[in-house]
Amino acid sequence: MDHETLISRIEIAAEVGVQSQTIAHWERAGSFPRPKMKLSLKRIYYDRAEVKAALDARAMRTPRLAWGA
């Protein structure tokens, strides 16, 4: 497995601050890339570049709350 180009669903969830089931939901909804490798139900890997692009696009669509405004 190429750790430089692949990232696990669990790692993505931890970095973004969501549950891994949320990543699965985004994938089913079509707003997240399909996995490149499935070794088991828990060991699911995505292409890092595709994930970054999807998360960047998601950040552009998601309005942020303005605290103190």
PDB file of N, CA and C in Angstrom:
ATOM      1  N   MET A   1       0.844  -1.180   0.000  1.00  0.00           N
ATOM      2  CA  MET A   1       0.000   0.000   0.000  1.00  0.00           C
ATOM      3  C   MET A   1       0.886   1.238   0.000  1.00  0.00           C
ATOM      4  N   ASP A   2       0.504   2.213  -0.796  1.00  0.00           N
ATOM      5  CA  ASP A   2       1.280   3.436  -0.932  1.00  0.00           C
ATOM      6  C   ASP A   2       0.734   4.497   0.027  1.00  0.00           C
ATOM      7  N   HIS A   3       1.412   4.682   1.142  1.00  0.00           N
ATOM      8  CA  HIS A   3       0.942   5.628   2.160  1.00  0.00           C
ATOM      9  C   HIS A   3       1.087   7.084   1.731  1.00  0.00           C
ATOM     10  N   GLU A   4       1.857   7.334   0.690  1.00  0.00           N
ATOM     11  CA  GLU A   4       2.005   8.709   0.227  1.00  0.00           C
ATOM     12  C   GLU A   4       0.802   9.160  -0.595  1.00  0.00           C
ATOM     13  N   THR A   5       0.140   8.243  -1.284  1.00  0.00           N
ATOM     14  CA  THR A   5      -0.979   8.633  -2.138  1.00  0.00           C
ATOM     15  C   THR A   5      -2.335   8.187  -1.592  1.00  0.00           C
ATOM     16  N   LEU A   6      -2.368   7.311  -0.581  1.00  0.00           N
ATOM     17  CA  LEU A   6      -3.623   6.833  -0.031  1.00  0.00           C
ATOM     18  C   LEU A   6      -3.785   7.265   1.421  1.00  0.00           C
ATOM     19  N   ILE A   7      -5.034   7.485   1.814  1.00  0.00           N
ATOM     20  CA  ILE A   7      -5.359   7.851   3.189  1.00  0.00           C
ATOM     21  C   ILE A   7      -6.618   7.085   3.591  1.00  0.00           C
ATOM     22  N   SER A   8      -6.660   6.624   4.835  1.00  0.00           N
ATOM     23  CA  SER A   8      -7.803   5.830   5.285  1.00  0.00           C
ATOM     24  C   SER A   8      -8.983   6.720   5.660  1.00  0.00           C
ATOM     25  N   ARG A   9     -10.155   6.127   5.636  1.00  0.00           N
ATOM     26  CA  ARG A   9     -11.372   6.845   6.022  1.00  0.00           C
ATOM     27  C   ARG A   9     -11.256   7.318   7.473  1.00  0.00           C
ATOM     28  N   ILE A  10     -10.669   6.507   8.335  1.00  0.00           N
ATOM     29  CA  ILE A  10     -10.519   6.862   9.744  1.00  0.00           C
ATOM     30  C   ILE A  10      -9.585   8.064   9.899  1.00  0.00           C
ATOM     31  N   GLU A  11      -8.500   8.094   9.133  1.00  0.00           N
ATOM     32  CA  GLU A  11      -7.576   9.238   9.177  1.00  0.00           C
ATOM     33  C   GLU A  11      -8.259  10.514   8.690  1.00  0.00           C
ATOM     34  N   ILE A  12      -9.024  10.394   7.623  1.00  0.00           N
ATOM     35  CA  ILE A  12      -9.738  11.562   7.085  1.00  0.00           C
ATOM     36  C   ILE A  12     -10.696  12.104   8.134  1.00  0.00           C
ATOM     37  N   ALA A  13     -11.477  11.211   8.726  1.00  0.00           N
ATOM     38  CA  ALA A  13     -12.460  11.619   9.732  1.00  0.00           C
ATOM     39  C   ALA A  13     -11.781  12.330  10.895  1.00  0.00           C
ATOM     40  N   ALA A  14     -10.655  11.801  11.363  1.00  0.00           N
ATOM     41  CA  ALA A  14      -9.931  12.413  12.480  1.00  0.00           C
ATOM     42  C   ALA A  14      -9.421  13.802  12.108  1.00  0.00           C
ATOM     43  N   GLU A  15      -8.899  13.958  10.905  1.00  0.00           N
ATOM     44  CA  GLU A  15      -8.367  15.245  10.472  1.00  0.00           C
ATOM     45  C   GLU A  15      -9.465  16.294  10.292  1.00  0.00           C
ATOM     46  N   VAL A  16     -10.634  15.850   9.807  1.00  0.00           N
ATOM     47  CA  VAL A  16     -11.734  16.782   9.542  1.00  0.00           C
ATOM     48  C   VAL A  16     -12.551  17.043  10.807  1.00  0.00           C
ATOM     49  N   GLY A  17     -12.513  16.092  11.761  1.00  0.00           N
ATOM     50  CA  GLY A  17     -13.267  16.248  13.002  1.00  0.00           C
ATOM     51  C   GLY A  17     -14.687  15.735  12.906  1.00  0.00           C
ATOM     52  N   VAL A  18     -14.889  14.671  12.116  1.00  0.00           N
ATOM     53  CA  VAL A  18     -16.207  14.040  11.983  1.00  0.00           C
ATOM     54  C   VAL A  18     -16.055  12.535  12.223  1.00  0.00           C
ATOM     55  N   GLN A  19     -17.176  11.842  12.325  1.00  0.00           N
ATOM     56  CA  GLN A  19     -17.165  10.389  12.441  1.00  0.00           C
ATOM     57  C   GLN A  19     -16.886   9.773  11.076  1.00  0.00           C
ATOM     58  N   SER A  20     -16.320   8.578  11.054  1.00  0.00           N
ATOM     59  CA  SER A  20     -16.042   7.920   9.776  1.00  0.00           C
ATOM     60  C   SER A  20     -17.329   7.627   9.010  1.00  0.00           C
ATOM     61  N   GLN A  21     -18.441   7.458   9.726  1.00  0.00           N
ATOM     62  CA  GLN A  21     -19.724   7.240   9.060  1.00  0.00           C
ATOM     63  C   GLN A  21     -20.143   8.469   8.259  1.00  0.00           C
ATOM     64  N   THR A  22     -19.714   9.641   8.690  1.00  0.00           N
ATOM     65  CA  THR A  22     -20.017  10.866   7.956  1.00  0.00           C
ATOM     66  C   THR A  22     -19.327  10.847   6.600  1.00  0.00           C
ATOM     67  N   ILE A  23     -18.088  10.373   6.578  1.00  0.00           N
ATOM     68  CA  ILE A  23     -17.358  10.258   5.311  1.00  0.00           C
ATOM     69  C   ILE A  23     -18.104   9.296   4.392  1.00  0.00           C
ATOM     70  N   ALA A  24     -18.575   8.175   4.943  1.00  0.00           N
ATOM     71  CA  ALA A  24     -19.338   7.202   4.155  1.00  0.00           C
ATOM     72  C   ALA A  24     -20.618   7.842   3.613  1.00  0.00           C
ATOM     73  N   HIS A  25     -21.278   8.650   4.418  1.00  0.00           N
ATOM     74  CA  HIS A  25     -22.503   9.340   3.987  1.00  0.00           C
ATOM     75  C   HIS A  25     -22.195  10.299   2.839  1.00  0.00           C
ATOM     76  N   TRP A  26     -21.118  11.076   2.968  1.00  0.00           N
ATOM     77  CA  TRP A  26     -20.738  12.001   1.898  1.00  0.00           C
ATOM     78  C   TRP A  26     -20.466  11.238   0.608  1.00  0.00           C
ATOM     79  N   GLU A  27     -19.825  10.081   0.742  1.00  0.00           N
ATOM     80  CA  GLU A  27     -19.529   9.259  -0.438  1.00  0.00           C
ATOM     81  C   GLU A  27     -20.826   8.792  -1.110  1.00  0.00           C
ATOM     82  N   ARG A  28     -21.770   8.285  -0.309  1.00  0.00           N
ATOM     83  CA  ARG A  28     -23.048   7.817  -0.868  1.00  0.00           C
ATOM     84  C   ARG A  28     -23.833   8.957  -1.499  1.00  0.00           C
ATOM     85  N   ALA A  29     -23.698  10.166  -0.940  1.00  0.00           N
ATOM     86  CA  ALA A  29     -24.408  11.334  -1.458  1.00  0.00           C
ATOM     87  C   ALA A  29     -23.759  11.877  -2.738  1.00  0.00           C
ATOM     88  N   GLY A  30     -22.558  11.377  -3.064  1.00  0.00           N
ATOM     89  CA  GLY A  30     -21.889  11.811  -4.279  1.00  0.00           C
ATOM     90  C   GLY A  30     -21.010  13.039  -4.115  1.00  0.00           C
ATOM     91  N   SER A  31     -20.805  13.485  -2.872  1.00  0.00           N
ATOM     92  CA  SER A  31     -19.976  14.672  -2.656  1.00  0.00           C
ATOM     93  C   SER A  31     -18.577  14.324  -2.155  1.00  0.00           C
ATOM     94  N   PHE A  32     -18.211  13.062  -2.271  1.00  0.00           N
ATOM     95  CA  PHE A  32     -16.894  12.596  -1.835  1.00  0.00           C
ATOM     96  C   PHE A  32     -16.439  11.514  -2.797  1.00  0.00           C
ATOM     97  N   PRO A  33     -15.148  11.430  -3.065  1.00  0.00           N
ATOM     98  CA  PRO A  33     -14.673  10.434  -4.045  1.00  0.00           C
ATOM     99  C   PRO A  33     -14.883   8.992  -3.588  1.00  0.00           C
ATOM    100  N   ARG A  34     -14.920   8.104  -4.549  1.00  0.00           N
ATOM    101  CA  ARG A  34     -15.026   6.673  -4.268  1.00  0.00           C
ATOM    102  C   ARG A  34     -13.683   6.178  -3.744  1.00  0.00           C
ATOM    103  N   PRO A  35     -13.690   5.172  -2.864  1.00  0.00           N
ATOM    104  CA  PRO A  35     -12.426   4.636  -2.361  1.00  0.00           C
ATOM    105  C   PRO A  35     -11.619   3.957  -3.463  1.00  0.00           C
ATOM    106  N   LYS A  36     -10.323   3.973  -3.295  1.00  0.00           N
ATOM    107  CA  LYS A  36      -9.419   3.299  -4.234  1.00  0.00           C
ATOM    108  C   LYS A  36      -9.155   1.867  -3.810  1.00  0.00           C
ATOM    109  N   MET A  37      -9.309   1.581  -2.495  1.00  0.00           N
ATOM    110  CA  MET A  37      -9.011   0.246  -1.999  1.00  0.00           C
ATOM    111  C   MET A  37      -9.875  -0.045  -0.764  1.00  0.00           C
ATOM    112  N   LYS A  38     -10.499  -1.218  -0.742  1.00  0.00           N
ATOM    113  CA  LYS A  38     -11.259  -1.672   0.422  1.00  0.00           C
ATOM    114  C   LYS A  38     -10.678  -3.002   0.873  1.00  0.00           C
ATOM    115  N   LEU A  39     -10.013  -2.985   2.033  1.00  0.00           N
ATOM    116  CA  LEU A  39      -9.425  -4.210   2.558  1.00  0.00           C
ATOM    117  C   LEU A  39     -10.378  -4.918   3.511  1.00  0.00           C
ATOM    118  N   SER A  40     -11.281  -4.155   4.128  1.00  0.00           N
ATOM    119  CA  SER A  40     -12.315  -4.690   5.012  1.00  0.00           C
ATOM    120  C   SER A  40     -13.353  -3.596   5.195  1.00  0.00           C
ATOM    121  N   LEU A  41     -14.338  -3.844   6.040  1.00  0.00           N
ATOM    122  CA  LEU A  41     -15.354  -2.812   6.276  1.00  0.00           C
ATOM    123  C   LEU A  41     -14.777  -1.584   6.978  1.00  0.00           C
ATOM    124  N   LYS A  42     -13.684  -1.754   7.703  1.00  0.00           N
ATOM    125  CA  LYS A  42     -13.084  -0.643   8.432  1.00  0.00           C
ATOM    126  C   LYS A  42     -11.831  -0.086   7.768  1.00  0.00           C
ATOM    127  N   ARG A  43     -11.197  -0.852   6.925  1.00  0.00           N
ATOM    128  CA  ARG A  43      -9.956  -0.425   6.278  1.00  0.00           C
ATOM    129  C   ARG A  43     -10.241  -0.030   4.835  1.00  0.00           C
ATOM    130  N   ILE A  44     -10.639   1.229   4.671  1.00  0.00           N
ATOM    131  CA  ILE A  44     -11.036   1.778   3.383  1.00  0.00           C
ATOM    132  C   ILE A  44     -10.115   2.948   3.084  1.00  0.00           C
ATOM    133  N   TYR A  45      -9.530   2.955   1.881  1.00  0.00           N
ATOM    134  CA  TYR A  45      -8.521   3.947   1.532  1.00  0.00           C
ATOM    135  C   TYR A  45      -8.919   4.750   0.304  1.00  0.00           C
ATOM    136  N   TYR A  46      -8.602   6.045   0.365  1.00  0.00           N
ATOM    137  CA  TYR A  46      -8.921   6.993  -0.694  1.00  0.00           C
ATOM    138  C   TYR A  46      -7.639   7.623  -1.222  1.00  0.00           C
ATOM    139  N   ASP A  47      -7.716   8.165  -2.429  1.00  0.00           N
ATOM    140  CA  ASP A  47      -6.618   8.911  -3.009  1.00  0.00           C
ATOM    141  C   ASP A  47      -6.523  10.268  -2.302  1.00  0.00           C
ATOM    142  N   ARG A  48      -5.346  10.601  -1.779  1.00  0.00           N
ATOM    143  CA  ARG A  48      -5.172  11.847  -1.019  1.00  0.00           C
ATOM    144  C   ARG A  48      -5.518  13.091  -1.839  1.00  0.00           C
ATOM    145  N   ALA A  49      -5.111  13.136  -3.089  1.00  0.00           N
ATOM    146  CA  ALA A  49      -5.378  14.307  -3.927  1.00  0.00           C
ATOM    147  C   ALA A  49      -6.882  14.480  -4.155  1.00  0.00           C
ATOM    148  N   GLU A  50      -7.595  13.386  -4.390  1.00  0.00           N
ATOM    149  CA  GLU A  50      -9.046  13.457  -4.588  1.00  0.00           C
ATOM    150  C   GLU A  50      -9.745  13.910  -3.308  1.00  0.00           C
ATOM    151  N   VAL A  51      -9.274  13.414  -2.173  1.00  0.00           N
ATOM    152  CA  VAL A  51      -9.855  13.796  -0.885  1.00  0.00           C
ATOM    153  C   VAL A  51      -9.639  15.280  -0.636  1.00  0.00           C
ATOM    154  N   LYS A  52      -8.420  15.760  -0.882  1.00  0.00           N
ATOM    155  CA  LYS A  52      -8.138  17.182  -0.682  1.00  0.00           C
ATOM    156  C   LYS A  52      -9.043  18.041  -1.555  1.00  0.00           C
ATOM    157  N   ALA A  53      -9.206  17.660  -2.800  1.00  0.00           N
ATOM    158  CA  ALA A  53     -10.066  18.429  -3.704  1.00  0.00           C
ATOM    159  C   ALA A  53     -11.514  18.435  -3.211  1.00  0.00           C
ATOM    160  N   ALA A  54     -12.000  17.285  -2.761  1.00  0.00           N
ATOM    161  CA  ALA A  54     -13.379  17.181  -2.268  1.00  0.00           C
ATOM    162  C   ALA A  54     -13.566  18.009  -1.002  1.00  0.00           C
ATOM    163  N   LEU A  55     -12.608  17.960  -0.089  1.00  0.00           N
ATOM    164  CA  LEU A  55     -12.719  18.731   1.147  1.00  0.00           C
ATOM    165  C   LEU A  55     -12.604  20.227   0.879  1.00  0.00           C
ATOM    166  N   ASP A  56     -11.745  20.614  -0.063  1.00  0.00           N
ATOM    167  CA  ASP A  56     -11.640  22.029  -0.432  1.00  0.00           C
ATOM    168  C   ASP A  56     -12.954  22.526  -1.032  1.00  0.00           C
ATOM    169  N   ALA A  57     -13.557  21.723  -1.900  1.00  0.00           N
ATOM    170  CA  ALA A  57     -14.839  22.088  -2.509  1.00  0.00           C
ATOM    171  C   ALA A  57     -15.930  22.175  -1.448  1.00  0.00           C
ATOM    172  N   ARG A  58     -15.910  21.254  -0.505  1.00  0.00           N
ATOM    173  CA  ARG A  58     -16.894  21.242   0.568  1.00  0.00           C
ATOM    174  C   ARG A  58     -16.743  22.496   1.438  1.00  0.00           C
ATOM    175  N   ALA A  59     -15.513  22.899   1.722  1.00  0.00           N
ATOM    176  CA  ALA A  59     -15.266  24.088   2.537  1.00  0.00           C
ATOM    177  C   ALA A  59     -15.772  25.346   1.837  1.00  0.00           C
ATOM    178  N   MET A  60     -15.682  25.374   0.523  1.00  0.00           N
ATOM    179  CA  MET A  60     -16.161  26.537  -0.234  1.00  0.00           C
ATOM    180  C   MET A  60     -17.684  26.623  -0.217  1.00  0.00           C
ATOM    181  N   ARG A  61     -18.365  25.466  -0.138  1.00  0.00           N
ATOM    182  CA  ARG A  61     -19.831  25.439  -0.147  1.00  0.00           C
ATOM    183  C   ARG A  61     -20.439  25.657   1.232  1.00  0.00           C
ATOM    184  N   THR A  62     -19.696  25.309   2.293  1.00  0.00           N
ATOM    185  CA  THR A  62     -20.237  25.339   3.641  1.00  0.00           C
ATOM    186  C   THR A  62     -20.058  26.710   4.278  1.00  0.00           C
ATOM    187  N   PRO A  63     -21.159  27.391   4.582  1.00  0.00           N
ATOM    188  CA  PRO A  63     -21.025  28.699   5.233  1.00  0.00           C
ATOM    189  C   PRO A  63     -20.490  28.540   6.652  1.00  0.00           C
ATOM    190  N   ARG A  64     -19.677  29.448   7.075  1.00  0.00           N
ATOM    191  CA  ARG A  64     -19.116  29.436   8.419  1.00  0.00           C
ATOM    192  C   ARG A  64     -19.867  30.431   9.286  1.00  0.00           C
ATOM    193  N   LEU A  65     -20.010  30.102  10.550  1.00  0.00           N
ATOM    194  CA  LEU A  65     -20.635  31.030  11.494  1.00  0.00           C
ATOM    195  C   LEU A  65     -19.642  32.116  11.853  1.00  0.00           C
ATOM    196  N   ALA A  66     -20.127  33.314  11.928  1.00  0.00           N
ATOM    197  CA  ALA A  66     -19.290  34.442  12.332  1.00  0.00           C
ATOM    198  C   ALA A  66     -19.482  34.676  13.824  1.00  0.00           C
ATOM    199  N   TRP A  67     -18.538  34.255  14.612  1.00  0.00           N
ATOM    200  CA  TRP A  67     -18.620  34.419  16.062  1.00  0.00           C
ATOM    201  C   TRP A  67     -18.365  35.873  16.428  1.00  0.00           C
ATOM    202  N   GLY A  68     -19.200  36.355  17.321  1.00  0.00           N
ATOM    203  CA  GLY A  68     -19.022  37.725  17.812  1.00  0.00           C
ATOM    204  C   GLY A  68     -19.515  38.794  16.841  1.00  0.00           C
ATOM    205  N   ALA A  69     -20.188  38.369  15.787  1.00  0.00           N
ATOM    206  CA  ALA A  69     -20.659  39.346  14.793  1.00  0.00           C
ATOM    207  C   ALA A  69     -22.077  39.773  15.085  1.00  0.00           C
TER     208      ALA A  69
END
